[in-house]
Amino acid sequence: MSNLKLNVGDCIPNFSIEATGEKTITQEDFLGKYTVVYFYPKDSTPGCTTEGLDFTSLHSEFSQLNTQIFGVSMDSMKRHDNFKTKQNFSFELLSDPEGEFCNLFGTYQLKKNFGKEYMGIVRTTFLISPEGKIIQAWPNVKVKDHAKNVLEFLKTIA
């Protein structure tokens, strides 16, 4: 069961979000190529680091399929810059400290961990078409082999 607000077939709404590399990304940046947007809970944690490194290791293959990648969390731009530099990620990280971008996609949800409930980012990935429509969504992502699975799916449609 998914609590996502955007689903397969939906167009990406208008947005503007700060990114590493001193960039501002808008929905216009998603047009003309495939876009992978993966939401993750927190910079510099084991699963989030692994996921970023996995997407980085496959970056050239994604690029060959006319695909760009963005990672999103609610961490500050300073934390993102440090995380990206330290891990040498080959793509930009989007900073959403207020959770507005996460709320657009419905990835900021009630989570449970060790019996405690709290709000946080549910690890989710979206694949967006060059026309700005969602063509696949992976809610509740397990990190192992996820980047590879996204790439394999992309190869079937690109």
C-alpha atoms as a PDB file:
ATOM      1  CA  MET A   1       0.000   0.000   0.000  1.00  0.00           C
ATOM      2  CA  SER A   2       1.373   3.358  -1.010  1.00  0.00           C
ATOM      3  CA  ASN A   3       0.726   6.772   0.527  1.00  0.00           C
ATOM      4  CA  LEU A   4       2.424   8.593  -2.338  1.00  0.00           C
ATOM      5  CA  LYS A   5       0.741  11.730  -3.657  1.00  0.00           C
ATOM      6  CA  LEU A   6       2.182  11.374  -7.146  1.00  0.00           C
ATOM      7  CA  ASN A   7       1.748   8.128  -9.024  1.00  0.00           C
ATOM      8  CA  VAL A   8       2.566   6.613 -12.397  1.00  0.00           C
ATOM      9  CA  GLY A   9       1.051   8.747 -15.159  1.00  0.00           C
ATOM     10  CA  ASP A  10       0.995  11.975 -13.122  1.00  0.00           C
ATOM     11  CA  CYS A  11       2.782  15.075 -14.393  1.00  0.00           C
ATOM     12  CA  ILE A  12       5.384  16.683 -12.164  1.00  0.00           C
ATOM     13  CA  PRO A  13       3.963  19.836 -10.548  1.00  0.00           C
ATOM     14  CA  ASN A  14       5.776  23.183 -10.570  1.00  0.00           C
ATOM     15  CA  PHE A  15       8.541  23.440  -7.982  1.00  0.00           C
ATOM     16  CA  SER A  16      11.794  25.178  -7.200  1.00  0.00           C
ATOM     17  CA  ILE A  17      14.395  23.636  -4.887  1.00  0.00           C
ATOM     18  CA  GLU A  18      17.981  24.422  -3.910  1.00  0.00           C
ATOM     19  CA  ALA A  19      20.638  21.940  -5.033  1.00  0.00           C
ATOM     20  CA  THR A  20      24.336  21.326  -4.507  1.00  0.00           C
ATOM     21  CA  GLY A  21      26.609  23.001  -7.015  1.00  0.00           C
ATOM     22  CA  GLU A  22      24.916  26.312  -6.148  1.00  0.00           C
ATOM     23  CA  LYS A  23      21.995  25.409  -8.419  1.00  0.00           C
ATOM     24  CA  THR A  24      18.265  25.841  -8.218  1.00  0.00           C
ATOM     25  CA  ILE A  25      16.306  23.013  -9.813  1.00  0.00           C
ATOM     26  CA  THR A  26      12.777  23.451 -11.189  1.00  0.00           C
ATOM     27  CA  GLN A  27      10.377  21.189 -13.075  1.00  0.00           C
ATOM     28  CA  GLU A  28      11.881  22.618 -16.301  1.00  0.00           C
ATOM     29  CA  ASP A  29      15.158  20.829 -15.470  1.00  0.00           C
ATOM     30  CA  PHE A  30      13.294  17.512 -15.650  1.00  0.00           C
ATOM     31  CA  LEU A  31      12.277  17.993 -19.291  1.00  0.00           C
ATOM     32  CA  GLY A  32      14.158  16.530 -22.247  1.00  0.00           C
ATOM     33  CA  LYS A  33      15.715  13.578 -20.450  1.00  0.00           C
ATOM     34  CA  TYR A  34      14.770  10.816 -18.064  1.00  0.00           C
ATOM     35  CA  THR A  35      15.128  11.798 -14.422  1.00  0.00           C
ATOM     36  CA  VAL A  36      15.654   9.589 -11.384  1.00  0.00           C
ATOM     37  CA  VAL A  37      14.639  11.335  -8.158  1.00  0.00           C
ATOM     38  CA  TYR A  38      15.404   9.300  -5.077  1.00  0.00           C
ATOM     39  CA  PHE A  39      14.286  10.395  -1.621  1.00  0.00           C
ATOM     40  CA  TYR A  40      16.373   9.227   1.318  1.00  0.00           C
ATOM     41  CA  PRO A  41      16.146   9.855   5.085  1.00  0.00           C
ATOM     42  CA  LYS A  42      19.479  11.398   6.114  1.00  0.00           C
ATOM     43  CA  ASP A  43      22.955  12.307   4.837  1.00  0.00           C
ATOM     44  CA  SER A  44      25.977  10.324   6.049  1.00  0.00           C
ATOM     45  CA  THR A  45      24.019   7.330   7.358  1.00  0.00           C
ATOM     46  CA  PRO A  46      24.950   3.819   6.186  1.00  0.00           C
ATOM     47  CA  GLY A  47      21.956   3.071   3.930  1.00  0.00           C
ATOM     48  CA  CYS A  48      21.834   6.552   2.427  1.00  0.00           C
ATOM     49  CA  THR A  49      25.565   6.527   1.747  1.00  0.00           C
ATOM     50  CA  THR A  50      25.346   3.103   0.085  1.00  0.00           C
ATOM     51  CA  GLU A  51      22.407   4.200  -2.067  1.00  0.00           C
ATOM     52  CA  GLY A  52      24.260   7.318  -3.246  1.00  0.00           C
ATOM     53  CA  LEU A  53      27.420   5.339  -3.984  1.00  0.00           C
ATOM     54  CA  ASP A  54      25.406   2.753  -5.932  1.00  0.00           C
ATOM     55  CA  PHE A  55      23.824   5.445  -8.123  1.00  0.00           C
ATOM     56  CA  THR A  56      27.269   7.044  -8.574  1.00  0.00           C
ATOM     57  CA  SER A  57      28.852   3.738  -9.645  1.00  0.00           C
ATOM     58  CA  LEU A  58      26.174   3.335 -12.352  1.00  0.00           C
ATOM     59  CA  HIS A  59      26.089   7.023 -13.323  1.00  0.00           C
ATOM     60  CA  SER A  60      27.762   6.586 -16.713  1.00  0.00           C
ATOM     61  CA  GLU A  61      25.257   3.876 -17.669  1.00  0.00           C
ATOM     62  CA  PHE A  62      22.359   6.127 -16.636  1.00  0.00           C
ATOM     63  CA  SER A  63      23.909   8.986 -18.654  1.00  0.00           C
ATOM     64  CA  GLN A  64      24.150   6.781 -21.744  1.00  0.00           C
ATOM     65  CA  LEU A  65      20.371   6.326 -21.442  1.00  0.00           C
ATOM     66  CA  ASN A  66      19.811  10.117 -21.358  1.00  0.00           C
ATOM     67  CA  THR A  67      19.096   9.998 -17.620  1.00  0.00           C
ATOM     68  CA  GLN A  68      19.945  12.418 -14.825  1.00  0.00           C
ATOM     69  CA  ILE A  69      19.871  11.587 -11.114  1.00  0.00           C
ATOM     70  CA  PHE A  70      18.943  13.692  -8.084  1.00  0.00           C
ATOM     71  CA  GLY A  71      19.012  12.643  -4.432  1.00  0.00           C
ATOM     72  CA  VAL A  72      16.643  14.406  -2.008  1.00  0.00           C
ATOM     73  CA  SER A  73      16.554  14.680   1.772  1.00  0.00           C
ATOM     74  CA  MET A  74      15.607  17.279   4.358  1.00  0.00           C
ATOM     75  CA  ASP A  75      19.237  17.920   5.275  1.00  0.00           C
ATOM     76  CA  SER A  76      20.662  21.442   4.972  1.00  0.00           C
ATOM     77  CA  MET A  77      22.631  22.556   1.938  1.00  0.00           C
ATOM     78  CA  LYS A  78      25.807  22.622   4.072  1.00  0.00           C
ATOM     79  CA  ARG A  79      25.318  18.965   5.068  1.00  0.00           C
ATOM     80  CA  HIS A  80      24.553  18.070   1.435  1.00  0.00           C
ATOM     81  CA  ASP A  81      27.680  19.806   0.176  1.00  0.00           C
ATOM     82  CA  ASN A  82      29.807  17.957   2.739  1.00  0.00           C
ATOM     83  CA  PHE A  83      28.109  14.601   2.023  1.00  0.00           C
ATOM     84  CA  LYS A  84      28.426  14.954  -1.758  1.00  0.00           C
ATOM     85  CA  THR A  85      32.076  16.031  -1.540  1.00  0.00           C
ATOM     86  CA  LYS A  86      33.071  13.348   0.971  1.00  0.00           C
ATOM     87  CA  GLN A  87      31.395  10.542  -1.017  1.00  0.00           C
ATOM     88  CA  ASN A  88      32.284  12.002  -4.430  1.00  0.00           C
ATOM     89  CA  PHE A  89      28.712  11.630  -5.713  1.00  0.00           C
ATOM     90  CA  SER A  90      28.390  12.266  -9.448  1.00  0.00           C
ATOM     91  CA  PHE A  91      24.985  13.986  -9.231  1.00  0.00           C
ATOM     92  CA  GLU A  92      23.357  16.842  -7.343  1.00  0.00           C
ATOM     93  CA  LEU A  93      21.571  16.572  -4.003  1.00  0.00           C
ATOM     94  CA  LEU A  94      18.383  18.572  -3.436  1.00  0.00           C
ATOM     95  CA  SER A  95      17.905  20.196  -0.034  1.00  0.00           C
ATOM     96  CA  ASP A  96      14.336  20.238   1.306  1.00  0.00           C
ATOM     97  CA  PRO A  97      14.628  21.368   4.952  1.00  0.00           C
ATOM     98  CA  GLU A  98      10.946  22.376   5.151  1.00  0.00           C
ATOM     99  CA  GLY A  99       9.731  19.166   3.510  1.00  0.00           C
ATOM    100  CA  GLU A 100       7.804  20.977   0.775  1.00  0.00           C
ATOM    101  CA  PHE A 101       9.268  18.959  -2.116  1.00  0.00           C
ATOM    102  CA  CYS A 102       8.856  15.729  -0.124  1.00  0.00           C
ATOM    103  CA  ASN A 103       5.220  16.648   0.532  1.00  0.00           C
ATOM    104  CA  LEU A 104       4.631  17.258  -3.199  1.00  0.00           C
ATOM    105  CA  PHE A 105       5.591  13.649  -3.824  1.00  0.00           C
ATOM    106  CA  GLY A 106       4.118  12.270  -0.602  1.00  0.00           C
ATOM    107  CA  THR A 107       7.395  10.842   0.736  1.00  0.00           C
ATOM    108  CA  TYR A 108       7.264  12.645   4.117  1.00  0.00           C
ATOM    109  CA  GLN A 109       5.169  10.234   6.166  1.00  0.00           C
ATOM    110  CA  LEU A 110       4.556   8.813   9.602  1.00  0.00           C
ATOM    111  CA  LYS A 111       7.206   6.169  10.261  1.00  0.00           C
ATOM    112  CA  LYS A 112       7.626   3.592  13.017  1.00  0.00           C
ATOM    113  CA  ASN A 113      10.948   2.449  14.392  1.00  0.00           C
ATOM    114  CA  PHE A 114      11.500   0.444  17.563  1.00  0.00           C
ATOM    115  CA  GLY A 115       7.939   1.199  18.674  1.00  0.00           C
ATOM    116  CA  LYS A 116       8.263   4.967  18.242  1.00  0.00           C
ATOM    117  CA  GLU A 117       6.259   6.956  15.699  1.00  0.00           C
ATOM    118  CA  TYR A 118       7.732  10.007  13.989  1.00  0.00           C
ATOM    119  CA  MET A 119       7.550  11.923  10.720  1.00  0.00           C
ATOM    120  CA  GLY A 120      10.309  11.293   8.223  1.00  0.00           C
ATOM    121  CA  ILE A 121      11.195  10.538   4.631  1.00  0.00           C
ATOM    122  CA  VAL A 122      10.137   7.132   3.378  1.00  0.00           C
ATOM    123  CA  ARG A 123      12.907   5.927   1.040  1.00  0.00           C
ATOM    124  CA  THR A 124      11.232   6.242  -2.379  1.00  0.00           C
ATOM    125  CA  THR A 125      12.426   6.579  -5.972  1.00  0.00           C
ATOM    126  CA  PHE A 126      10.617   8.060  -8.953  1.00  0.00           C
ATOM    127  CA  LEU A 127      11.498   7.731 -12.637  1.00  0.00           C
ATOM    128  CA  ILE A 128      10.242  10.671 -14.678  1.00  0.00           C
ATOM    129  CA  SER A 129       9.922  10.749 -18.464  1.00  0.00           C
ATOM    130  CA  PRO A 130      11.510  13.404 -20.700  1.00  0.00           C
ATOM    131  CA  GLU A 131       7.979  14.875 -20.942  1.00  0.00           C
ATOM    132  CA  GLY A 132       7.762  15.331 -17.156  1.00  0.00           C
ATOM    133  CA  LYS A 133       5.466  12.393 -16.325  1.00  0.00           C
ATOM    134  CA  ILE A 134       6.089   9.761 -13.686  1.00  0.00           C
ATOM    135  CA  ILE A 135       6.665   6.444 -15.418  1.00  0.00           C
ATOM    136  CA  GLN A 136       7.645   4.363 -12.395  1.00  0.00           C
ATOM    137  CA  ALA A 137       7.677   4.683  -8.613  1.00  0.00           C
ATOM    138  CA  TRP A 138       9.454   2.515  -6.073  1.00  0.00           C
ATOM    139  CA  PRO A 139       8.014   3.133  -2.572  1.00  0.00           C
ATOM    140  CA  ASN A 140       9.632   1.722   0.598  1.00  0.00           C
ATOM    141  CA  VAL A 141      12.929   1.055  -1.170  1.00  0.00           C
ATOM    142  CA  LYS A 142      15.412  -1.489   0.133  1.00  0.00           C
ATOM    143  CA  VAL A 143      18.895  -0.154  -0.688  1.00  0.00           C
ATOM    144  CA  LYS A 144      20.564  -3.403  -1.807  1.00  0.00           C
ATOM    145  CA  ASP A 145      20.565  -3.580  -5.637  1.00  0.00           C
ATOM    146  CA  HIS A 146      18.050  -0.717  -5.885  1.00  0.00           C
ATOM    147  CA  ALA A 147      20.111   1.509  -8.224  1.00  0.00           C
ATOM    148  CA  LYS A 148      20.779  -1.530 -10.429  1.00  0.00           C
ATOM    149  CA  ASN A 149      17.055  -2.373 -10.505  1.00  0.00           C
ATOM    150  CA  VAL A 150      16.189   1.196 -11.538  1.00  0.00           C
ATOM    151  CA  LEU A 151      18.788   0.999 -14.322  1.00  0.00           C
ATOM    152  CA  GLU A 152      17.473  -2.378 -15.514  1.00  0.00           C
ATOM    153  CA  PHE A 153      13.918  -0.997 -15.654  1.00  0.00           C
ATOM    154  CA  LEU A 154      15.144   2.049 -17.555  1.00  0.00           C
ATOM    155  CA  LYS A 155      16.872  -0.169 -20.124  1.00  0.00           C
ATOM    156  CA  THR A 156      13.494  -1.754 -20.937  1.00  0.00           C
ATOM    157  CA  ILE A 157      11.915   1.589 -21.880  1.00  0.00           C
ATOM    158  CA  ALA A 158      14.701   3.967 -22.972  1.00  0.00           C
END
